[in-house]
Amino acid sequence: MSRKIAIVTGTRAEYGLLKRLIARVHEADDTQLQLIATAAHLSPEFGTTVREIEADGFPIAERVEILLSSDSAVGVTKAAGLGMIGFADAFARLQPDVVVVLGDRFEILAASAAALFAGIPIAHLHGGETTEGAFDEAVRHSVTKMAALHFTGAEPYRNRVIQLGEDPARVFNVGGLGIDAIADLDPMPKAELEEFLGLPFGEESLLVTFHPETAGGRDPAAQMEELLAALDTRPDAHIVFTLPNADTGGRALIAMIEDYVARRKNAVAHSSLGQYRYLSALTYVDGVVGNSSSALAEVPSFGIGSLDIGERQAGRLRAKSVVNCDAERTAIAGGIAQILSPEFRAGLEHVENPYGSGGASAAIFDVLRSHPLDRLTVKRFHDLTTPGSDSGDSTGGAG
C-alpha cells in the first residue's frame, strides 16, 4: 500500500519551495499525494494562487478556507482557530500517514496542532531558523516540538533543533529548498517578463518585498513610509513590488504600495509573480530590497546584493551579499546605494550561499517514503546535558 503524504501550503512563496517535493510525491508509485491548499492561496485579495498549483497539474485534495477580511491580531487569531477546525476535518477525511509542513506561519501552526491532536506524524521543513522580528519565531519552534521528523536548511539550524530536545537521528540537514529551483532555472526571456510586469527593466532595477514586523511593537505602516521615502531618492530606478503576505497589518502596507505605484510611472506592484517569474526577475534586477526571507536564502545565489531592512529576519544565516539596516529612510537610502555600488557588486561574483547547493527535495522525499512510521509520534526529549548524549554533529545528517 502506498504511503499517504499530506502536504500543506498556504502562500505563493512556500509553494515555490515545496513544488519539487510535491512533484516527487505525486509521481512516485509508492507514495500518494494529498495536497492541502489554504490561507492566501484561496484568497482573491492575494492572487488566488491556488490556480498556479492547478496549472502545474497537481490535484488539490482539500481546500481549507481560513482567512477573514481582518488582518488585526484578533482577525489572525480567529483565522488560526478556523484553521484548526478546517484541518481537523480535512485530516479526518484524508487519514494521511504523515503531514508535511514548511516554516512558521499561523496557518502552519493550525495545521500542525490539528495533526498533533489527531496522532498523525508531522514532518517539519526549515525548522531551527530564527526571525527575531516576527512572531513566526515562536510558531516555528512550537511546530518543531510538535513534529517527529525535521529537515533543516543548514547545519547550525540542525543543531538548534537538537538543542530544542529533538532526537538527532530524526533531524536531517538537507539545505535550502529554494536552491533546487535555482539549479533548474531557465529564465523567462527578458522581453516576455517585462511584458508580464508591465514595466521594462531600466538601467537600475530593484525588486522590493516588505512584510510587517509582527513582534517588537513596531508600526509596519511607519516602516513602509520610511522605505517609500528612501525609494524616492532614486527617481530613475525601475521598481517591482511584490505585495506583503497575509500577516497582521499587511493590508495597510498593500494600500500604501498601491498608492505609491499609482504616483510613480516607473514602478509596478504584483500580488504574486509565481516562483518562475520571481526567480527570472532576479536574473535581471540589480538588487533586492525589503525583509523577505528569500533575500537571504535564494538571492545570494544570483550574485546580486540584498538590503534586509529592520529585524523581521534578524538571526538568520546570511551571505556577504546581504546588508542590514534600520527601518529609517536615511539608512535605507544608504543601504540601497551600497548594494548597487560598483565596488560592492564586484565582490559578489563568488558569493557562497549558506543554504547549500541543492538536492533538498530529493533528500526529503527519500526519508518521507522510507522512514518507519511505527511509534513515530512517541518522542523522548533529547537532553544535551545528559552524559554521553549526542550533540548532533555526527548522526542524522542527510547532506
Protein backbone atom coordinates (compact mmCIF):
# COMPACT_ATOMS: atom_id res chain seq x y z
CA MET A 1 0.00 0.00 0.00
CA SER A 2 1.36 3.42 -0.94
CA ARG A 3 2.19 5.87 1.83
CA LYS A 4 -0.25 8.80 2.03
CA ILE A 5 1.67 12.06 2.38
CA ALA A 6 -0.33 15.22 3.08
CA ILE A 7 1.49 18.44 2.17
CA VAL A 8 0.11 21.75 3.43
CA THR A 9 0.69 25.01 1.56
CA GLY A 10 -0.74 28.45 2.25
CA THR A 11 1.36 31.01 0.37
CA ARG A 12 2.90 31.59 -3.05
CA ALA A 13 6.47 31.60 -1.69
CA GLU A 14 6.00 28.43 0.32
CA TYR A 15 4.51 26.59 -2.66
CA GLY A 16 7.51 27.58 -4.75
CA LEU A 17 9.78 25.94 -2.21
CA LEU A 18 7.62 22.81 -1.95
CA LYS A 19 6.89 22.36 -5.66
CA ARG A 20 9.66 19.88 -6.47
CA LEU A 21 8.93 17.79 -3.39
CA ILE A 22 5.24 17.78 -4.29
CA ALA A 23 6.13 16.55 -7.78
CA ARG A 24 8.20 13.68 -6.41
CA VAL A 25 5.43 12.55 -4.07
CA HIS A 26 2.84 12.84 -6.86
CA GLU A 27 4.85 10.91 -9.44
CA ALA A 28 6.18 8.04 -7.30
CA ASP A 29 4.45 4.67 -7.28
CA ASP A 30 4.92 4.11 -3.54
CA THR A 31 3.53 7.45 -2.32
CA GLN A 32 0.12 9.11 -2.62
CA LEU A 33 -0.03 12.91 -2.67
CA GLN A 34 -2.67 14.61 -0.53
CA LEU A 35 -2.18 18.30 -1.24
CA ILE A 36 -3.97 20.76 1.05
CA ALA A 37 -4.30 24.40 -0.04
CA THR A 38 -5.22 27.04 2.50
CA ALA A 39 -4.99 30.71 3.54
CA ALA A 40 -3.69 33.16 0.88
CA HIS A 41 -3.84 30.52 -1.89
CA LEU A 42 -7.63 30.70 -1.73
CA SER A 43 -7.97 34.48 -1.44
CA PRO A 44 -8.63 36.73 -4.47
CA GLU A 45 -7.03 39.57 -2.49
CA PHE A 46 -3.73 37.69 -2.53
CA GLY A 47 -3.94 36.48 -6.11
CA THR A 48 -5.91 33.20 -5.74
CA THR A 49 -2.60 31.42 -6.22
CA VAL A 50 -4.22 28.01 -5.91
CA ARG A 51 -4.68 28.39 -9.68
CA GLU A 52 -0.90 28.19 -10.10
CA ILE A 53 -0.93 24.85 -8.28
CA GLU A 54 -3.69 23.54 -10.53
CA ALA A 55 -1.88 24.82 -13.63
CA ASP A 56 1.12 22.75 -12.59
CA GLY A 57 -1.09 19.65 -12.72
CA PHE A 58 -1.25 18.82 -9.00
CA PRO A 59 -4.63 17.68 -7.67
CA ILE A 60 -5.92 19.55 -4.61
CA ALA A 61 -7.17 17.05 -2.05
CA GLU A 62 -8.60 19.64 0.35
CA ARG A 63 -9.16 23.40 0.47
CA VAL A 64 -9.18 24.82 3.98
CA GLU A 65 -10.65 28.33 3.99
CA ILE A 66 -9.43 30.35 6.98
CA LEU A 67 -8.73 34.00 6.05
CA LEU A 68 -11.05 36.72 7.30
CA SER A 69 -11.38 40.26 5.98
CA SER A 70 -9.45 41.49 9.02
CA ASP A 71 -5.66 41.28 9.48
CA SER A 72 -5.75 42.59 13.04
CA ALA A 73 -4.35 40.48 15.86
CA VAL A 74 -7.88 39.34 16.64
CA GLY A 75 -8.54 38.52 12.98
CA VAL A 76 -5.36 36.47 12.63
CA THR A 77 -6.10 34.63 15.88
CA LYS A 78 -9.59 33.76 14.67
CA ALA A 79 -8.16 32.63 11.32
CA ALA A 80 -5.81 30.26 13.14
CA GLY A 81 -8.79 28.92 15.07
CA LEU A 82 -10.74 28.37 11.88
CA GLY A 83 -7.67 26.63 10.52
CA MET A 84 -7.59 24.14 13.37
CA ILE A 85 -11.24 23.30 12.75
CA GLY A 86 -10.77 23.01 8.99
CA PHE A 87 -7.62 20.91 9.22
CA ALA A 88 -9.22 18.62 11.79
CA ASP A 89 -11.97 17.81 9.28
CA ALA A 90 -9.52 17.51 6.38
CA PHE A 91 -7.25 15.09 8.22
CA ALA A 92 -10.25 13.04 9.36
CA ARG A 93 -11.29 12.63 5.72
CA LEU A 94 -7.83 12.03 4.26
CA GLN A 95 -6.32 9.85 7.01
CA PRO A 96 -2.73 10.69 5.96
CA ASP A 97 0.26 8.67 7.17
CA VAL A 98 2.35 11.83 7.59
CA VAL A 99 1.71 15.58 7.33
CA VAL A 100 4.39 17.81 5.79
CA VAL A 101 4.56 21.48 6.79
CA LEU A 102 7.11 24.17 5.99
CA GLY A 103 8.15 27.12 8.07
CA ASP A 104 6.37 29.24 10.57
CA ARG A 105 3.13 30.93 9.55
CA PHE A 106 -0.07 30.91 11.59
CA GLU A 107 -1.82 28.53 9.19
CA ILE A 108 1.09 26.10 9.62
CA LEU A 109 0.65 26.31 13.40
CA ALA A 110 -3.04 25.45 12.96
CA ALA A 111 -2.31 22.50 10.67
CA SER A 112 0.38 21.18 12.99
CA ALA A 113 -1.81 21.41 16.08
CA ALA A 114 -4.62 19.56 14.30
CA ALA A 115 -2.22 16.81 13.17
CA LEU A 116 -0.74 16.56 16.67
CA PHE A 117 -4.16 16.03 18.25
CA ALA A 118 -5.06 13.50 15.53
CA GLY A 119 -1.92 11.48 16.26
CA ILE A 120 -0.50 11.98 12.76
CA PRO A 121 3.30 12.28 12.46
CA ILE A 122 4.47 15.71 11.32
CA ALA A 123 7.48 16.35 9.10
CA HIS A 124 8.69 19.93 9.54
CA LEU A 125 10.79 21.68 6.89
CA HIS A 126 13.09 24.66 7.58
CA GLY A 127 12.95 24.46 11.34
CA GLY A 128 15.66 25.75 13.66
CA GLU A 129 15.86 29.16 11.97
CA THR A 130 15.41 32.45 13.77
CA THR A 131 13.40 35.54 12.82
CA GLU A 132 13.51 37.75 15.86
CA GLY A 133 11.31 40.49 14.39
CA ALA A 134 8.22 38.33 13.86
CA PHE A 135 6.05 36.05 15.96
CA ASP A 136 6.88 33.45 13.32
CA GLU A 137 9.92 32.75 15.53
CA ALA A 138 7.72 31.30 18.28
CA VAL A 139 5.50 29.50 15.77
CA ARG A 140 8.48 27.83 14.11
CA HIS A 141 9.93 26.48 17.36
CA SER A 142 6.47 25.38 18.50
CA VAL A 143 6.00 23.35 15.33
CA THR A 144 9.43 21.82 15.91
CA LYS A 145 8.21 20.47 19.25
CA MET A 146 5.09 19.02 17.59
CA ALA A 147 6.98 17.41 14.71
CA ALA A 148 8.52 13.93 14.55
CA LEU A 149 10.81 14.43 11.54
CA HIS A 150 12.86 17.54 10.85
CA PHE A 151 14.57 18.84 7.69
CA THR A 152 16.77 21.89 8.13
CA GLY A 153 18.37 24.32 5.70
CA ALA A 154 21.83 24.40 7.28
CA GLU A 155 23.90 22.61 9.93
CA PRO A 156 23.57 25.38 12.56
CA TYR A 157 19.80 25.05 12.23
CA ARG A 158 20.02 21.29 12.65
CA ASN A 159 21.98 21.79 15.84
CA ARG A 160 19.37 24.25 17.10
CA VAL A 161 16.55 21.75 16.51
CA ILE A 162 18.54 19.21 18.52
CA GLN A 163 19.08 21.88 21.18
CA LEU A 164 15.28 22.06 21.43
CA GLY A 165 15.33 18.42 22.54
CA GLU A 166 14.78 16.58 19.27
CA ASP A 167 16.35 13.19 18.56
CA PRO A 168 19.43 13.72 16.32
CA ALA A 169 18.52 10.60 14.32
CA ARG A 170 15.33 12.35 13.22
CA VAL A 171 16.92 15.68 12.26
CA PHE A 172 18.27 15.93 8.70
CA ASN A 173 20.29 18.82 7.29
CA VAL A 174 19.25 18.88 3.63
CA GLY A 175 19.94 22.51 2.69
CA GLY A 176 17.53 25.13 1.42
CA LEU A 177 14.61 24.02 -0.74
CA GLY A 178 14.80 27.19 -2.79
CA ILE A 179 18.21 26.23 -4.14
CA ASP A 180 16.65 23.33 -6.07
CA ALA A 181 14.55 25.74 -8.13
CA ILE A 182 17.55 27.92 -8.89
CA ALA A 183 19.57 24.94 -10.10
CA ASP A 184 16.79 24.07 -12.58
CA LEU A 185 16.13 27.64 -13.70
CA ASP A 186 15.94 28.52 -17.39
CA PRO A 187 14.95 32.19 -17.00
CA MET A 188 11.96 33.65 -18.79
CA PRO A 189 13.13 35.81 -21.72
CA LYS A 190 13.59 39.39 -20.59
CA ALA A 191 11.10 40.91 -23.03
CA GLU A 192 8.43 38.37 -22.10
CA LEU A 193 8.89 39.04 -18.40
CA GLU A 194 8.80 42.81 -18.96
CA GLU A 195 5.50 42.40 -20.79
CA PHE A 196 4.03 40.48 -17.86
CA LEU A 197 5.32 43.01 -15.33
CA GLY A 198 4.12 45.99 -17.33
CA LEU A 199 7.50 47.64 -16.83
CA PRO A 200 10.88 47.36 -18.57
CA PHE A 201 14.00 46.70 -16.56
CA GLY A 202 15.79 50.03 -16.60
CA GLU A 203 19.44 50.90 -16.18
CA GLU A 204 18.76 50.46 -12.46
CA SER A 205 16.09 47.99 -11.31
CA LEU A 206 15.03 46.90 -7.84
CA LEU A 207 12.79 44.08 -6.62
CA VAL A 208 11.09 45.15 -3.37
CA THR A 209 9.20 42.97 -0.87
CA PHE A 210 8.41 44.23 2.61
CA HIS A 211 6.30 42.32 5.15
CA PRO A 212 5.09 43.56 8.55
CA GLU A 213 7.30 43.01 11.59
CA THR A 214 4.85 41.20 13.86
CA ALA A 215 6.99 41.25 17.01
CA GLY A 216 8.57 44.10 18.92
CA GLY A 217 5.72 46.60 18.78
CA ARG A 218 6.93 48.46 15.68
CA ASP A 219 4.41 50.14 13.37
CA PRO A 220 4.63 48.43 9.95
CA ALA A 221 2.97 51.39 8.22
CA ALA A 222 5.55 53.78 9.64
CA GLN A 223 8.33 51.48 8.43
CA MET A 224 6.78 51.31 4.98
CA GLU A 225 6.60 55.10 4.88
CA GLU A 226 10.35 55.21 5.55
CA LEU A 227 11.03 52.65 2.82
CA LEU A 228 8.97 54.51 0.22
CA ALA A 229 10.68 57.78 1.12
CA ALA A 230 14.06 56.10 0.62
CA LEU A 231 12.99 54.76 -2.78
CA ASP A 232 12.12 58.32 -3.78
CA THR A 233 15.82 59.20 -3.50
CA ARG A 234 16.35 57.05 -6.63
CA PRO A 235 13.76 58.51 -9.00
CA ASP A 236 15.24 56.82 -12.08
CA ALA A 237 15.16 53.31 -10.60
CA HIS A 238 12.58 50.90 -12.02
CA ILE A 239 10.86 49.19 -9.11
CA VAL A 240 8.93 45.92 -8.99
CA PHE A 241 6.98 45.39 -5.74
CA THR A 242 5.71 42.01 -4.69
CA LEU A 243 2.94 42.58 -2.16
CA PRO A 244 3.08 41.53 1.51
CA ASN A 245 1.81 38.23 2.88
CA ALA A 246 -1.45 37.83 4.81
CA ASP A 247 0.23 38.93 8.04
CA THR A 248 -1.04 41.14 10.83
CA GLY A 249 -1.15 44.66 9.40
CA GLY A 250 -0.36 43.58 5.86
CA ARG A 251 -3.39 45.15 4.19
CA ALA A 252 -2.33 48.66 5.24
CA LEU A 253 1.03 48.11 3.56
CA ILE A 254 -0.64 46.90 0.37
CA ALA A 255 -2.71 50.09 0.21
CA MET A 256 0.43 52.22 0.68
CA ILE A 257 2.27 50.38 -2.10
CA GLU A 258 -0.65 50.65 -4.50
CA ASP A 259 -0.88 54.39 -3.83
CA TYR A 260 2.86 54.78 -4.37
CA VAL A 261 2.78 52.87 -7.66
CA ALA A 262 -0.11 54.99 -8.87
CA ARG A 263 2.03 58.08 -8.36
CA ARG A 264 5.30 56.74 -9.82
CA LYS A 265 5.48 55.95 -13.52
CA ASN A 266 8.42 53.52 -13.24
CA ALA A 267 7.01 51.27 -10.51
CA VAL A 268 4.59 48.33 -10.57
CA ALA A 269 3.12 46.01 -7.93
CA HIS A 270 2.06 42.37 -8.22
CA SER A 271 0.31 40.25 -5.62
CA SER A 272 2.18 37.21 -6.92
CA LEU A 273 4.80 36.67 -9.61
CA GLY A 274 4.91 32.93 -9.10
CA GLN A 275 8.25 31.30 -8.40
CA TYR A 276 9.35 31.04 -12.03
CA ARG A 277 8.79 34.71 -12.82
CA TYR A 278 10.19 35.76 -9.43
CA LEU A 279 13.43 33.83 -9.92
CA SER A 280 13.64 35.01 -13.52
CA ALA A 281 13.34 38.60 -12.31
CA LEU A 282 16.32 38.01 -10.03
CA THR A 283 18.46 37.38 -13.11
CA TYR A 284 17.62 40.87 -14.45
CA VAL A 285 17.31 43.22 -11.44
CA ASP A 286 20.28 44.95 -9.84
CA GLY A 287 19.30 44.37 -6.22
CA VAL A 288 16.61 43.22 -3.79
CA VAL A 289 15.21 45.42 -1.03
CA GLY A 290 12.88 44.66 1.89
CA ASN A 291 12.68 41.97 4.54
CA SER A 292 11.74 38.77 2.73
CA SER A 293 13.41 35.51 3.72
CA SER A 294 14.11 34.92 0.03
CA ALA A 295 16.54 37.85 0.06
CA LEU A 296 18.70 35.79 2.43
CA ALA A 297 18.02 32.25 1.25
CA GLU A 298 17.83 32.44 -2.56
CA VAL A 299 19.04 35.84 -3.79
CA PRO A 300 22.72 35.26 -2.85
CA SER A 301 22.85 32.52 -5.50
CA PHE A 302 22.22 35.17 -8.19
CA GLY A 303 25.29 37.25 -7.36
CA ILE A 304 23.35 40.42 -6.53
CA GLY A 305 23.01 42.34 -3.30
CA SER A 306 20.12 42.23 -0.82
CA LEU A 307 19.20 45.03 1.57
CA ASP A 308 17.49 43.48 4.60
CA ILE A 309 15.50 46.17 6.43
CA GLY A 310 14.70 46.03 10.13
CA GLU A 311 14.52 43.00 12.37
CA ARG A 312 11.99 40.63 10.79
CA GLN A 313 14.82 38.33 9.58
CA ALA A 314 17.19 39.02 12.49
CA GLY A 315 19.12 35.89 13.45
CA ARG A 316 19.08 34.12 10.09
CA LEU A 317 22.27 32.98 8.41
CA ARG A 318 23.29 35.43 5.72
CA ALA A 319 25.78 35.59 2.87
CA LYS A 320 28.18 38.50 2.44
CA SER A 321 25.85 39.82 -0.28
CA VAL A 322 23.25 40.71 2.38
CA VAL A 323 23.36 44.12 4.06
CA ASN A 324 21.14 45.00 7.03
CA CYS A 325 19.89 48.45 8.00
CA ASP A 326 17.37 50.10 10.32
CA ALA A 327 13.89 50.85 9.01
CA GLU A 328 14.72 54.54 8.66
CA ARG A 329 14.79 56.43 5.35
CA THR A 330 18.38 57.67 5.52
CA ALA A 331 19.68 54.23 6.49
CA ILE A 332 17.63 52.54 3.77
CA ALA A 333 18.77 55.01 1.11
CA GLY A 334 22.37 54.44 2.17
CA GLY A 335 21.88 50.68 2.09
CA ILE A 336 20.45 50.78 -1.42
CA ALA A 337 23.39 52.88 -2.56
CA GLN A 338 25.76 50.34 -1.00
CA ILE A 339 24.34 47.22 -2.65
CA LEU A 340 24.21 48.97 -6.02
CA SER A 341 27.72 50.40 -5.84
CA PRO A 342 30.26 49.01 -8.34
CA GLU A 343 32.66 48.21 -5.50
CA PHE A 344 30.11 46.11 -3.62
CA ARG A 345 28.86 44.32 -6.72
CA ALA A 346 32.39 43.49 -7.83
CA GLY A 347 32.82 41.35 -4.73
CA LEU A 348 29.71 39.21 -5.31
CA GLU A 349 30.95 37.03 -8.16
CA HIS A 350 31.78 34.07 -5.93
CA VAL A 351 29.38 34.55 -3.02
CA GLU A 352 28.76 31.35 -1.05
CA ASN A 353 25.12 30.71 -0.19
CA PRO A 354 24.88 29.34 3.39
CA TYR A 355 21.83 27.29 2.36
CA GLY A 356 23.84 24.93 0.18
CA SER A 357 23.90 23.99 -3.48
CA GLY A 358 20.69 21.96 -3.96
CA GLY A 359 19.28 18.47 -3.53
CA ALA A 360 16.93 19.16 -0.61
CA SER A 361 13.75 17.93 -2.31
CA ALA A 362 15.25 14.55 -3.21
CA ALA A 363 16.74 14.09 0.26
CA ILE A 364 13.45 14.92 1.99
CA PHE A 365 11.47 12.61 -0.28
CA ASP A 366 13.83 9.69 0.36
CA VAL A 367 13.17 9.99 4.09
CA LEU A 368 9.41 10.53 3.74
CA ARG A 369 8.94 7.43 1.60
CA SER A 370 11.10 5.10 3.68
CA HIS A 371 11.35 6.19 7.32
CA PRO A 372 9.48 3.79 9.66
CA LEU A 373 6.26 5.35 10.91
CA ASP A 374 5.65 2.99 13.82
CA ARG A 375 5.57 4.93 17.09
CA LEU A 376 6.94 8.00 15.31
CA THR A 377 4.68 10.25 17.37
CA VAL A 378 6.26 8.93 20.57
CA LYS A 379 9.09 11.33 21.39
CA ARG A 380 11.70 11.36 24.11
CA PHE A 381 13.31 14.69 24.95
CA HIS A 382 16.95 14.66 23.88
CA ASP A 383 18.75 16.34 26.76
CA LEU A 384 22.15 17.77 25.78
CA THR A 385 23.26 17.78 29.41
CA THR A 386 22.93 14.02 29.75
CA PRO A 387 26.42 12.41 29.90
CA GLY A 388 27.27 10.76 26.61
CA SER A 389 24.40 12.41 24.72
CA ASP A 390 24.90 13.15 21.03
CA SER A 391 25.39 16.86 20.38
CA GLY A 392 24.08 16.38 16.86
CA ASP A 393 27.38 16.66 14.96
CA SER A 394 27.61 13.15 13.59
CA THR A 395 24.22 11.47 13.12
CA GLY A 396 21.03 12.13 11.25
CA GLY A 397 22.51 14.41 8.60
CA ALA A 398 21.48 13.94 5.02
CA GLY A 399 23.61 16.44 3.22
